């Protein structure tokens, strides 16, 4: 069983949109499910992504 994860306030660089904005990333069952405002999930581990950068569209 995979642990759900929410990374809050992380800078997300999207090469398709040429954007660099701050979002939440919601990971469920080991896969990114949503970039934007993460859904409520009381079972998720929450990580503060302030000062970090993610490049999800590069993989």
Protein backbone atom coordinates (compact mmCIF):
# COMPACT_ATOMS: atom_id res chain seq x y z
CA UNK A 1 0.00 0.00 0.00
CA UNK A 2 1.35 3.43 -0.96
CA UNK A 3 1.10 6.46 1.31
CA UNK A 4 -0.73 9.45 -0.13
CA UNK A 5 1.36 12.63 -0.15
CA UNK A 6 0.53 16.31 -0.47
CA UNK A 7 3.38 18.71 -1.20
CA UNK A 8 2.11 22.21 -0.41
CA UNK A 9 3.38 25.51 -1.81
CA UNK A 10 5.97 24.08 -4.18
CA UNK A 11 7.19 25.97 -7.23
CA UNK A 12 6.09 23.94 -10.28
CA UNK A 13 7.82 24.44 -13.62
CA UNK A 14 5.74 23.24 -16.58
CA UNK A 15 7.65 23.09 -19.86
CA UNK A 16 4.43 22.69 -21.85
CA UNK A 17 2.97 25.95 -20.51
CA UNK A 18 6.28 27.74 -19.97
CA UNK A 19 5.13 28.57 -16.47
CA UNK A 20 6.66 28.66 -13.01
CA UNK A 21 3.98 29.01 -10.33
CA UNK A 22 3.37 27.86 -6.78
CA UNK A 23 0.94 24.96 -6.38
CA UNK A 24 0.19 21.87 -4.34
CA UNK A 25 1.04 18.43 -5.72
CA UNK A 26 -1.20 15.52 -4.72
CA UNK A 27 0.32 12.05 -5.04
CA UNK A 28 -1.90 8.97 -4.61
CA UNK A 29 -0.76 5.38 -5.03
CA UNK A 30 2.69 6.60 -6.10
CA UNK A 31 1.43 8.71 -9.01
CA UNK A 32 0.84 12.44 -9.37
CA UNK A 33 -2.94 12.86 -9.39
CA UNK A 34 -3.25 16.63 -9.31
CA UNK A 35 -1.15 19.77 -9.59
CA UNK A 36 -3.04 22.79 -8.31
CA UNK A 37 -5.10 22.85 -5.12
CA UNK A 38 -4.78 19.46 -3.45
CA UNK A 39 -7.99 17.74 -2.34
CA UNK A 40 -8.67 17.14 1.33
CA UNK A 41 -7.06 13.86 2.40
CA UNK A 42 -6.72 13.35 6.15
CA UNK A 43 -4.61 10.22 5.60
CA UNK A 44 -1.98 11.99 3.45
CA UNK A 45 1.48 12.95 4.62
CA UNK A 46 1.82 16.72 4.14
CA UNK A 47 5.19 18.14 3.11
CA UNK A 48 5.99 21.86 3.08
CA UNK A 49 7.43 22.54 -0.37
CA UNK A 50 8.31 26.19 0.28
CA UNK A 51 11.65 26.93 -1.38
CA UNK A 52 11.54 23.72 -3.45
CA UNK A 53 10.94 23.29 -7.19
CA UNK A 54 9.27 20.41 -9.05
CA UNK A 55 9.50 19.63 -12.78
CA UNK A 56 6.68 17.07 -13.24
CA UNK A 57 6.26 17.52 -17.01
CA UNK A 58 9.94 16.77 -17.69
CA UNK A 59 9.51 13.07 -16.89
